[in-house]
Amino acid sequence: MKTDDLKRIILKMFKGNELYGYEIHKRLESQGVEAEMGRLYRVLNDMLKERLLESLWQKSQIGPRKRVYRLGKKGEKELEKILEDAIETVHIFYGEYLLNLPPEASVFNQISGYVTEKMRESGNIVFFTPLYSPIIEKLLTSIRSSAPLAKIHLVKHRSVEVDLHLDDISILDGEYWDLPLKEGYADLVMIAYMPKGDSLRGAVGEWCRVLEKGGALAILIPTALINDYEDPLTIGDFVEKYEGENVRDKEYADKETTLELLGDFFDDVEEKHIVHMTVFRASEKKDLHS
């Protein structure tokens, strides 16, 4: 095994752990990794010089002192990078899986059918996204199929580049709190993800401004980003939560806060879980000026 690969395997052992050299060797053996003790200590010394690891000597009740190893600052960053790379790989494969599901099992068809079921056939749809991906395009395609007579506007963050393969959808630049459309224009405003919790109220006010009186607001977000889990996370929830909180460093309002806030603007608020996603749907907009 190459030395760099061995170092990566050793780093993965140290999340929250302090280990003796002998313990590291036994863990390598349990994973089927062969590394004789002489080579292992040479690798550990290299990792100390590279500041991937730190070490200290601990007194023993019997026998000589023992050297214990733990993650160094550089090692913490490297371990974080390993995890980020793994999560990106899982997302790529999971995205391909979702994109290729048959129509009867399509997550995108379930979401689009739910959010458009109450709107008029030839209504106006505003879809805002702070990012763009094949999954966003697939969702737009499903919305188009669910509401074939609707006029759809894709509003994106100004820095986001879009290669949209749908000719009948207009593309506009905007922000969560600045949708470039007139008051009361939309029958459906759909939001992918949410802004940070402290700016959510202002953004909802802007979405309501664009929404006509009988229209609906739909917010789509991975459940793991807004839910407080008492039980251990599933691997899918862990991936979503890690990416949302660590990679993008977002601070989303939790589910209860979001529902309460939407209740300040709408009389009818509900949530629906579709696979790992939560859809908030709000309708019957309140007249806050009366």
Foldseek 3Di string as FASTA:
>chain_A
DDLVVVVLVLLVVAPPDKAFLVRSCVVCVVVVHDDDSVRSVVSVVVCVVVQQKDWDWDCDPDDHITIIIHGGPVVVVVNVVVVVVVLVVVVVVVVVVQVPDDPVQHLLLVVLCVQCVPFDQAFEEEEEEAEDDVVVLVNVVSNCVNRVNYQYEYEYAPVYDDDHPDPRYHYHYDDLLGDPAAFQRGQEYEYEAAAAPVCRLNSVVSVNRNHHQFHKYKYKAFLLCAEDDPDDDDPVSVSRNCCQCPVVNGHHHHPVVVQVSLVVFAVDWDWDDRPRMIMIMGGNTDDPVD
